mmCIF file of all heavy atoms, coordinates in Angstrom:
data_MODEL
# 
_entry.id   MODEL 
# 
loop_
_atom_site.group_PDB 
_atom_site.id 
_atom_site.type_symbol 
_atom_site.label_atom_id 
_atom_site.label_alt_id 
_atom_site.label_comp_id 
_atom_site.label_asym_id 
_atom_site.label_entity_id 
_atom_site.label_seq_id 
_atom_site.pdbx_PDB_ins_code 
_atom_site.Cartn_x 
_atom_site.Cartn_y 
_atom_site.Cartn_z 
_atom_site.occupancy 
_atom_site.B_iso_or_equiv 
_atom_site.pdbx_formal_charge 
_atom_site.auth_seq_id 
_atom_site.auth_comp_id 
_atom_site.auth_asym_id 
_atom_site.auth_atom_id 
_atom_site.pdbx_PDB_model_num 
ATOM 1   N N   . ALA A 1 1  ? 49.394 56.787 2.890  1.00 0.00 ? 1  ALA A N   1 
ATOM 2   C CA  . ALA A 1 1  ? 50.139 58.015 3.113  1.00 0.00 ? 1  ALA A CA  1 
ATOM 3   C C   . ALA A 1 1  ? 49.253 59.233 2.996  1.00 0.00 ? 1  ALA A C   1 
ATOM 4   O O   . ALA A 1 1  ? 49.359 60.163 3.845  1.00 0.00 ? 1  ALA A O   1 
ATOM 5   C CB  . ALA A 1 1  ? 51.279 58.110 2.093  1.00 0.00 ? 1  ALA A CB  1 
ATOM 6   N N   . GLU A 1 2  ? 48.374 59.277 2.039  1.00 0.00 ? 2  GLU A N   1 
ATOM 7   C CA  . GLU A 1 2  ? 47.448 60.408 1.871  1.00 0.00 ? 2  GLU A CA  1 
ATOM 8   C C   . GLU A 1 2  ? 46.515 60.538 3.062  1.00 0.00 ? 2  GLU A C   1 
ATOM 9   O O   . GLU A 1 2  ? 46.352 61.654 3.580  1.00 0.00 ? 2  GLU A O   1 
ATOM 10  C CB  . GLU A 1 2  ? 46.643 60.261 0.576  1.00 0.00 ? 2  GLU A CB  1 
ATOM 11  C CG  . GLU A 1 2  ? 47.448 60.463 -0.669 1.00 0.00 ? 2  GLU A CG  1 
ATOM 12  C CD  . GLU A 1 2  ? 47.924 61.861 -0.854 1.00 0.00 ? 2  GLU A CD  1 
ATOM 13  O OE1 . GLU A 1 2  ? 47.198 62.817 -0.516 1.00 0.00 ? 2  GLU A OE1 1 
ATOM 14  O OE2 . GLU A 1 2  ? 49.071 62.037 -1.300 1.00 0.00 ? 2  GLU A OE2 1 
ATOM 15  N N   . GLU A 1 3  ? 45.935 59.414 3.491  1.00 0.00 ? 3  GLU A N   1 
ATOM 16  C CA  . GLU A 1 3  ? 45.033 59.481 4.634  1.00 0.00 ? 3  GLU A CA  1 
ATOM 17  C C   . GLU A 1 3  ? 45.778 59.863 5.910  1.00 0.00 ? 3  GLU A C   1 
ATOM 18  O O   . GLU A 1 3  ? 45.227 60.557 6.769  1.00 0.00 ? 3  GLU A O   1 
ATOM 19  C CB  . GLU A 1 3  ? 44.356 58.101 4.815  1.00 0.00 ? 3  GLU A CB  1 
ATOM 20  C CG  . GLU A 1 3  ? 43.450 57.675 3.668  1.00 0.00 ? 3  GLU A CG  1 
ATOM 21  C CD  . GLU A 1 3  ? 42.084 58.315 3.752  1.00 0.00 ? 3  GLU A CD  1 
ATOM 22  O OE1 . GLU A 1 3  ? 41.643 58.722 4.832  1.00 0.00 ? 3  GLU A OE1 1 
ATOM 23  O OE2 . GLU A 1 3  ? 41.437 58.436 2.686  1.00 0.00 ? 3  GLU A OE2 1 
ATOM 24  N N   . SER A 1 4  ? 47.005 59.425 6.047  1.00 0.00 ? 4  SER A N   1 
ATOM 25  C CA  . SER A 1 4  ? 47.801 59.768 7.232  1.00 0.00 ? 4  SER A CA  1 
ATOM 26  C C   . SER A 1 4  ? 48.124 61.269 7.253  1.00 0.00 ? 4  SER A C   1 
ATOM 27  O O   . SER A 1 4  ? 48.122 61.909 8.288  1.00 0.00 ? 4  SER A O   1 
ATOM 28  C CB  . SER A 1 4  ? 49.103 58.978 7.299  1.00 0.00 ? 4  SER A CB  1 
ATOM 29  O OG  . SER A 1 4  ? 48.840 57.607 7.375  1.00 0.00 ? 4  SER A OG  1 
ATOM 30  N N   . LYS A 1 5  ? 48.348 61.807 6.050  1.00 0.00 ? 5  LYS A N   1 
ATOM 31  C CA  . LYS A 1 5  ? 48.640 63.220 5.928  1.00 0.00 ? 5  LYS A CA  1 
ATOM 32  C C   . LYS A 1 5  ? 47.403 64.047 6.344  1.00 0.00 ? 5  LYS A C   1 
ATOM 33  O O   . LYS A 1 5  ? 47.513 65.021 7.093  1.00 0.00 ? 5  LYS A O   1 
ATOM 34  C CB  . LYS A 1 5  ? 49.022 63.561 4.494  1.00 0.00 ? 5  LYS A CB  1 
ATOM 35  C CG  . LYS A 1 5  ? 49.400 65.012 4.272  1.00 0.00 ? 5  LYS A CG  1 
ATOM 36  C CD  . LYS A 1 5  ? 49.940 65.216 2.879  1.00 0.00 ? 5  LYS A CD  1 
ATOM 37  C CE  . LYS A 1 5  ? 48.840 65.260 1.865  1.00 0.00 ? 5  LYS A CE  1 
ATOM 38  N NZ  . LYS A 1 5  ? 49.257 65.681 0.522  1.00 0.00 ? 5  LYS A NZ  1 
ATOM 39  N N   . VAL A 1 6  ? 46.233 63.601 5.948  1.00 0.00 ? 6  VAL A N   1 
ATOM 40  C CA  . VAL A 1 6  ? 45.004 64.270 6.334  1.00 0.00 ? 6  VAL A CA  1 
ATOM 41  C C   . VAL A 1 6  ? 44.782 64.199 7.838  1.00 0.00 ? 6  VAL A C   1 
ATOM 42  O O   . VAL A 1 6  ? 44.408 65.184 8.494  1.00 0.00 ? 6  VAL A O   1 
ATOM 43  C CB  . VAL A 1 6  ? 43.762 63.652 5.569  1.00 0.00 ? 6  VAL A CB  1 
ATOM 44  C CG1 . VAL A 1 6  ? 42.484 64.164 6.131  1.00 0.00 ? 6  VAL A CG1 1 
ATOM 45  C CG2 . VAL A 1 6  ? 43.880 63.963 4.099  1.00 0.00 ? 6  VAL A CG2 1 
ATOM 46  N N   . LYS A 1 7  ? 45.051 63.011 8.403  1.00 0.00 ? 7  LYS A N   1 
ATOM 47  C CA  . LYS A 1 7  ? 44.911 62.807 9.857  1.00 0.00 ? 7  LYS A CA  1 
ATOM 48  C C   . LYS A 1 7  ? 45.840 63.746 10.636 1.00 0.00 ? 7  LYS A C   1 
ATOM 49  O O   . LYS A 1 7  ? 45.438 64.338 11.623 1.00 0.00 ? 7  LYS A O   1 
ATOM 50  C CB  . LYS A 1 7  ? 45.179 61.353 10.202 1.00 0.00 ? 7  LYS A CB  1 
ATOM 51  C CG  . LYS A 1 7  ? 45.042 60.998 11.637 1.00 0.00 ? 7  LYS A CG  1 
ATOM 52  C CD  . LYS A 1 7  ? 43.594 60.842 12.048 1.00 0.00 ? 7  LYS A CD  1 
ATOM 53  C CE  . LYS A 1 7  ? 43.523 60.266 13.417 1.00 0.00 ? 7  LYS A CE  1 
ATOM 54  N NZ  . LYS A 1 7  ? 42.163 60.350 13.942 1.00 0.00 ? 7  LYS A NZ  1 
ATOM 55  N N   . ALA A 1 8  ? 47.089 63.854 10.180 1.00 0.00 ? 8  ALA A N   1 
ATOM 56  C CA  . ALA A 1 8  ? 48.034 64.745 10.808 1.00 0.00 ? 8  ALA A CA  1 
ATOM 57  C C   . ALA A 1 8  ? 47.621 66.197 10.694 1.00 0.00 ? 8  ALA A C   1 
ATOM 58  O O   . ALA A 1 8  ? 47.717 66.957 11.673 1.00 0.00 ? 8  ALA A O   1 
ATOM 59  C CB  . ALA A 1 8  ? 49.427 64.553 10.207 1.00 0.00 ? 8  ALA A CB  1 
ATOM 60  N N   . PHE A 1 9  ? 47.063 66.577 9.563  1.00 0.00 ? 9  PHE A N   1 
ATOM 61  C CA  . PHE A 1 9  ? 46.600 67.936 9.362  1.00 0.00 ? 9  PHE A CA  1 
ATOM 62  C C   . PHE A 1 9  ? 45.420 68.260 10.276 1.00 0.00 ? 9  PHE A C   1 
ATOM 63  O O   . PHE A 1 9  ? 45.347 69.347 10.842 1.00 0.00 ? 9  PHE A O   1 
ATOM 64  C CB  . PHE A 1 9  ? 46.178 68.125 7.890  1.00 0.00 ? 9  PHE A CB  1 
ATOM 65  C CG  . PHE A 1 9  ? 45.746 69.535 7.583  1.00 0.00 ? 9  PHE A CG  1 
ATOM 66  C CD1 . PHE A 1 9  ? 46.650 70.572 7.477  1.00 0.00 ? 9  PHE A CD1 1 
ATOM 67  C CD2 . PHE A 1 9  ? 44.387 69.831 7.406  1.00 0.00 ? 9  PHE A CD2 1 
ATOM 68  C CE1 . PHE A 1 9  ? 46.240 71.869 7.175  1.00 0.00 ? 9  PHE A CE1 1 
ATOM 69  C CE2 . PHE A 1 9  ? 43.963 71.118 7.116  1.00 0.00 ? 9  PHE A CE2 1 
ATOM 70  C CZ  . PHE A 1 9  ? 44.884 72.133 6.999  1.00 0.00 ? 9  PHE A CZ  1 
ATOM 71  N N   . GLU A 1 10 ? 44.520 67.258 10.459 1.00 0.00 ? 10 GLU A N   1 
ATOM 72  C CA  . GLU A 1 10 ? 43.366 67.436 11.360 1.00 0.00 ? 10 GLU A CA  1 
ATOM 73  C C   . GLU A 1 10 ? 43.814 67.683 12.800 1.00 0.00 ? 10 GLU A C   1 
ATOM 74  O O   . GLU A 1 10 ? 43.169 68.444 13.531 1.00 0.00 ? 10 GLU A O   1 
ATOM 75  C CB  . GLU A 1 10 ? 42.456 66.218 11.316 1.00 0.00 ? 10 GLU A CB  1 
ATOM 76  C CG  . GLU A 1 10 ? 41.647 66.086 10.042 1.00 0.00 ? 10 GLU A CG  1 
ATOM 77  C CD  . GLU A 1 10 ? 40.878 64.778 9.975  1.00 0.00 ? 10 GLU A CD  1 
ATOM 78  O OE1 . GLU A 1 10 ? 41.064 63.930 10.871 1.00 0.00 ? 10 GLU A OE1 1 
ATOM 79  O OE2 . GLU A 1 10 ? 40.144 64.618 9.001  1.00 0.00 ? 10 GLU A OE2 1 
ATOM 80  N N   . GLU A 1 11 ? 44.892 67.030 13.193 1.00 0.00 ? 11 GLU A N   1 
ATOM 81  C CA  . GLU A 1 11 ? 45.436 67.200 14.545 1.00 0.00 ? 11 GLU A CA  1 
ATOM 82  C C   . GLU A 1 11 ? 46.427 68.350 14.624 1.00 0.00 ? 11 GLU A C   1 
ATOM 83  O O   . GLU A 1 11 ? 47.118 68.497 15.649 1.00 0.00 ? 11 GLU A O   1 
ATOM 84  C CB  . GLU A 1 11 ? 46.042 65.883 14.992 1.00 0.00 ? 11 GLU A CB  1 
ATOM 85  C CG  . GLU A 1 11 ? 45.067 64.764 15.147 1.00 0.00 ? 11 GLU A CG  1 
ATOM 86  C CD  . GLU A 1 11 ? 45.712 63.482 15.652 1.00 0.00 ? 11 GLU A CD  1 
ATOM 87  O OE1 . GLU A 1 11 ? 46.906 63.476 15.997 1.00 0.00 ? 11 GLU A OE1 1 
ATOM 88  O OE2 . GLU A 1 11 ? 44.992 62.471 15.689 1.00 0.00 ? 11 GLU A OE2 1 
ATOM 89  N N   . LYS A 1 12 ? 46.522 69.129 13.598 1.00 0.00 ? 12 LYS A N   1 
ATOM 90  C CA  . LYS A 1 12 ? 47.418 70.300 13.528 1.00 0.00 ? 12 LYS A CA  1 
ATOM 91  C C   . LYS A 1 12 ? 48.890 69.915 13.809 1.00 0.00 ? 12 LYS A C   1 
ATOM 92  O O   . LYS A 1 12 ? 49.584 70.587 14.532 1.00 0.00 ? 12 LYS A O   1 
ATOM 93  C CB  . LYS A 1 12 ? 46.968 71.375 14.489 1.00 0.00 ? 12 LYS A CB  1 
ATOM 94  C CG  . LYS A 1 12 ? 45.605 71.953 14.106 1.00 0.00 ? 12 LYS A CG  1 
ATOM 95  C CD  . LYS A 1 12 ? 45.176 73.027 15.070 1.00 0.00 ? 12 LYS A CD  1 
ATOM 96  C CE  . LYS A 1 12 ? 43.962 73.724 14.570 1.00 0.00 ? 12 LYS A CE  1 
ATOM 97  N NZ  . LYS A 1 12 ? 42.725 73.197 14.860 1.00 0.00 ? 12 LYS A NZ  1 
ATOM 98  N N   . SER A 1 13 ? 49.279 68.802 13.233 1.00 0.00 ? 13 SER A N   1 
ATOM 99  C CA  . SER A 1 13 ? 50.647 68.329 13.363 1.00 0.00 ? 13 SER A CA  1 
ATOM 100 C C   . SER A 1 13 ? 51.402 68.606 12.058 1.00 0.00 ? 13 SER A C   1 
ATOM 101 O O   . SER A 1 13 ? 50.849 68.445 10.985 1.00 0.00 ? 13 SER A O   1 
ATOM 102 C CB  . SER A 1 13 ? 50.647 66.847 13.653 1.00 0.00 ? 13 SER A CB  1 
ATOM 103 O OG  . SER A 1 13 ? 51.971 66.333 13.716 1.00 0.00 ? 13 SER A OG  1 
ATOM 104 N N   . ALA A 1 14 ? 52.627 69.056 12.195 1.00 0.00 ? 14 ALA A N   1 
ATOM 105 C CA  . ALA A 1 14 ? 53.426 69.380 10.998 1.00 0.00 ? 14 ALA A CA  1 
ATOM 106 C C   . ALA A 1 14 ? 54.012 68.109 10.343 1.00 0.00 ? 14 ALA A C   1 
ATOM 107 O O   . ALA A 1 14 ? 54.362 68.129 9.165  1.00 0.00 ? 14 ALA A O   1 
ATOM 108 C CB  . ALA A 1 14 ? 54.563 70.322 11.364 1.00 0.00 ? 14 ALA A CB  1 
ATOM 109 N N   . THR A 1 15 ? 54.117 67.038 11.120 1.00 0.00 ? 15 THR A N   1 
ATOM 110 C CA  . THR A 1 15 ? 54.701 65.812 10.582 1.00 0.00 ? 15 THR A CA  1 
ATOM 111 C C   . THR A 1 15 ? 53.744 64.646 10.774 1.00 0.00 ? 15 THR A C   1 
ATOM 112 O O   . THR A 1 15 ? 52.907 64.673 11.698 1.00 0.00 ? 15 THR A O   1 
ATOM 113 C CB  . THR A 1 15 ? 56.024 65.452 11.288 1.00 0.00 ? 15 THR A CB  1 
ATOM 114 O OG1 . THR A 1 15 ? 55.799 65.334 12.659 1.00 0.00 ? 15 THR A OG1 1 
ATOM 115 C CG2 . THR A 1 15 ? 57.077 66.527 11.028 1.00 0.00 ? 15 THR A CG2 1 
ATOM 116 N N   . ILE A 1 16 ? 53.844 63.666 9.894  1.00 0.00 ? 16 ILE A N   1 
ATOM 117 C CA  . ILE A 1 16 ? 53.090 62.458 10.032 1.00 0.00 ? 16 ILE A CA  1 
ATOM 118 C C   . ILE A 1 16 ? 53.814 61.548 11.059 1.00 0.00 ? 16 ILE A C   1 
ATOM 119 O O   . ILE A 1 16 ? 54.959 61.206 10.855 1.00 0.00 ? 16 ILE A O   1 
ATOM 120 C CB  . ILE A 1 16 ? 52.901 61.747 8.681  1.00 0.00 ? 16 ILE A CB  1 
ATOM 121 C CG1 . ILE A 1 16 ? 52.219 62.618 7.687  1.00 0.00 ? 16 ILE A CG1 1 
ATOM 122 C CG2 . ILE A 1 16 ? 52.179 60.421 8.857  1.00 0.00 ? 16 ILE A CG2 1 
ATOM 123 C CD1 . ILE A 1 16 ? 52.197 62.096 6.266  1.00 0.00 ? 16 ILE A CD1 1 
ATOM 124 N N   . LYS A 1 17 ? 53.093 61.204 12.103 1.00 0.00 ? 17 LYS A N   1 
ATOM 125 C CA  . LYS A 1 17 ? 53.703 60.376 13.152 1.00 0.00 ? 17 LYS A CA  1 
ATOM 126 C C   . LYS A 1 17 ? 53.104 58.962 13.076 1.00 0.00 ? 17 LYS A C   1 
ATOM 127 O O   . LYS A 1 17 ? 52.152 58.676 12.377 1.00 0.00 ? 17 LYS A O   1 
ATOM 128 C CB  . LYS A 1 17 ? 53.469 61.022 14.507 1.00 0.00 ? 17 LYS A CB  1 
ATOM 129 C CG  . LYS A 1 17 ? 54.125 62.387 14.608 1.00 0.00 ? 17 LYS A CG  1 
ATOM 130 C CD  . LYS A 1 17 ? 53.957 63.011 15.933 1.00 0.00 ? 17 LYS A CD  1 
ATOM 131 C CE  . LYS A 1 17 ? 54.620 64.384 15.922 1.00 0.00 ? 17 LYS A CE  1 
ATOM 132 N NZ  . LYS A 1 17 ? 54.277 65.187 17.017 1.00 0.00 ? 17 LYS A NZ  1 
ATOM 133 N N   . VAL A 1 18 ? 53.734 58.085 13.863 1.00 0.00 ? 18 VAL A N   1 
ATOM 134 C CA  . VAL A 1 18 ? 53.344 56.654 13.874 1.00 0.00 ? 18 VAL A CA  1 
ATOM 135 C C   . VAL A 1 18 ? 51.871 56.504 14.213 1.00 0.00 ? 18 VAL A C   1 
ATOM 136 O O   . VAL A 1 18 ? 51.166 55.734 13.606 1.00 0.00 ? 18 VAL A O   1 
ATOM 137 C CB  . VAL A 1 18 ? 54.218 55.863 14.828 1.00 0.00 ? 18 VAL A CB  1 
ATOM 138 C CG1 . VAL A 1 18 ? 53.745 54.433 14.939 1.00 0.00 ? 18 VAL A CG1 1 
ATOM 139 C CG2 . VAL A 1 18 ? 55.658 55.923 14.372 1.00 0.00 ? 18 VAL A CG2 1 
ATOM 140 N N   . HIS A 1 19 ? 51.386 57.254 15.227 1.00 0.00 ? 19 HIS A N   1 
ATOM 141 C CA  . HIS A 1 19 ? 50.008 57.080 15.620 1.00 0.00 ? 19 HIS A CA  1 
ATOM 142 C C   . HIS A 1 19 ? 49.010 57.521 14.543 1.00 0.00 ? 19 HIS A C   1 
ATOM 143 O O   . HIS A 1 19 ? 47.881 57.019 14.499 1.00 0.00 ? 19 HIS A O   1 
ATOM 144 C CB  . HIS A 1 19 ? 49.713 57.756 16.975 1.00 0.00 ? 19 HIS A CB  1 
ATOM 145 C CG  . HIS A 1 19 ? 49.795 59.231 16.960 1.00 0.00 ? 19 HIS A CG  1 
ATOM 146 N ND1 . HIS A 1 19 ? 50.977 59.927 17.135 1.00 0.00 ? 19 HIS A ND1 1 
ATOM 147 C CD2 . HIS A 1 19 ? 48.805 60.178 16.815 1.00 0.00 ? 19 HIS A CD2 1 
ATOM 148 C CE1 . HIS A 1 19 ? 50.710 61.222 17.058 1.00 0.00 ? 19 HIS A CE1 1 
ATOM 149 N NE2 . HIS A 1 19 ? 49.433 61.405 16.860 1.00 0.00 ? 19 HIS A NE2 1 
ATOM 150 N N   . HIS A 1 20 ? 49.406 58.436 13.685 1.00 0.00 ? 20 HIS A N   1 
ATOM 151 C CA  . HIS A 1 20 ? 48.539 58.823 12.558 1.00 0.00 ? 20 HIS A CA  1 
ATOM 152 C C   . HIS A 1 20 ? 48.384 57.664 11.603 1.00 0.00 ? 20 HIS A C   1 
ATOM 153 O O   . HIS A 1 20 ? 47.252 57.316 11.162 1.00 0.00 ? 20 HIS A O   1 
ATOM 154 C CB  . HIS A 1 20 ? 49.113 60.038 11.814 1.00 0.00 ? 20 HIS A CB  1 
ATOM 155 C CG  . HIS A 1 20 ? 49.221 61.279 12.631 1.00 0.00 ? 20 HIS A CG  1 
ATOM 156 N ND1 . HIS A 1 20 ? 50.358 62.029 12.678 1.00 0.00 ? 20 HIS A ND1 1 
ATOM 157 C CD2 . HIS A 1 20 ? 48.320 61.884 13.427 1.00 0.00 ? 20 HIS A CD2 1 
ATOM 158 C CE1 . HIS A 1 20 ? 50.166 63.053 13.472 1.00 0.00 ? 20 HIS A CE1 1 
ATOM 159 N NE2 . HIS A 1 20 ? 48.950 62.986 13.949 1.00 0.00 ? 20 HIS A NE2 1 
ATOM 160 N N   . VAL A 1 21 ? 49.519 57.022 11.270 1.00 0.00 ? 21 VAL A N   1 
ATOM 161 C CA  . VAL A 1 21 ? 49.500 55.889 10.320 1.00 0.00 ? 21 VAL A CA  1 
ATOM 162 C C   . VAL A 1 21 ? 48.719 54.738 10.905 1.00 0.00 ? 21 VAL A C   1 
ATOM 163 O O   . VAL A 1 21 ? 47.897 54.098 10.250 1.00 0.00 ? 21 VAL A O   1 
ATOM 164 C CB  . VAL A 1 21 ? 50.940 55.461 9.949  1.00 0.00 ? 21 VAL A CB  1 
ATOM 165 C CG1 . VAL A 1 21 ? 50.908 54.271 9.031  1.00 0.00 ? 21 VAL A CG1 1 
ATOM 166 C CG2 . VAL A 1 21 ? 51.675 56.648 9.300  1.00 0.00 ? 21 VAL A CG2 1 
ATOM 167 N N   . ARG A 1 22 ? 48.936 54.435 12.208 1.00 0.00 ? 22 ARG A N   1 
ATOM 168 C CA  . ARG A 1 22 ? 48.245 53.327 12.834 1.00 0.00 ? 22 ARG A CA  1 
ATOM 169 C C   . ARG A 1 22 ? 46.706 53.555 12.845 1.00 0.00 ? 22 ARG A C   1 
ATOM 170 O O   . ARG A 1 22 ? 45.951 52.646 12.591 1.00 0.00 ? 22 ARG A O   1 
ATOM 171 C CB  . ARG A 1 22 ? 48.745 53.095 14.242 1.00 0.00 ? 22 ARG A CB  1 
ATOM 172 C CG  . ARG A 1 22 ? 50.071 52.419 14.240 1.00 0.00 ? 22 ARG A CG  1 
ATOM 173 C CD  . ARG A 1 22 ? 50.455 52.018 15.640 1.00 0.00 ? 22 ARG A CD  1 
ATOM 174 N NE  . ARG A 1 22 ? 51.804 51.389 15.616 1.00 0.00 ? 22 ARG A NE  1 
ATOM 175 C CZ  . ARG A 1 22 ? 52.679 51.520 16.541 1.00 0.00 ? 22 ARG A CZ  1 
ATOM 176 N NH1 . ARG A 1 22 ? 52.420 52.194 17.626 1.00 0.00 ? 22 ARG A NH1 1 
ATOM 177 N NH2 . ARG A 1 22 ? 53.865 50.927 16.448 1.00 0.00 ? 22 ARG A NH2 1 
ATOM 178 N N   . ALA A 1 23 ? 46.313 54.749 13.184 1.00 0.00 ? 23 ALA A N   1 
ATOM 179 C CA  . ALA A 1 23 ? 44.887 55.083 13.236 1.00 0.00 ? 23 ALA A CA  1 
ATOM 180 C C   . ALA A 1 23 ? 44.238 54.922 11.880 1.00 0.00 ? 23 ALA A C   1 
ATOM 181 O O   . ALA A 1 23 ? 43.146 54.328 11.745 1.00 0.00 ? 23 ALA A O   1 
ATOM 182 C CB  . ALA A 1 23 ? 44.688 56.494 13.766 1.00 0.00 ? 23 ALA A CB  1 
ATOM 183 N N   . VAL A 1 24 ? 44.905 55.376 10.846 1.00 0.00 ? 24 VAL A N   1 
ATOM 184 C CA  . VAL A 1 24 ? 44.380 55.274 9.495  1.00 0.00 ? 24 VAL A CA  1 
ATOM 185 C C   . VAL A 1 24 ? 44.379 53.807 9.046  1.00 0.00 ? 24 VAL A C   1 
ATOM 186 O O   . VAL A 1 24 ? 43.400 53.367 8.418  1.00 0.00 ? 24 VAL A O   1 
ATOM 187 C CB  . VAL A 1 24 ? 45.201 56.157 8.509  1.00 0.00 ? 24 VAL A CB  1 
ATOM 188 C CG1 . VAL A 1 24 ? 44.811 55.887 7.084  1.00 0.00 ? 24 VAL A CG1 1 
ATOM 189 C CG2 . VAL A 1 24 ? 44.967 57.605 8.859  1.00 0.00 ? 24 VAL A CG2 1 
# 
């Protein structure tokens, strides 16, 4: 969850999406 949050922030996304979780 923490890594997905960072990934979403890097992509300037307000929400954590499925592709963020899968990438992490």
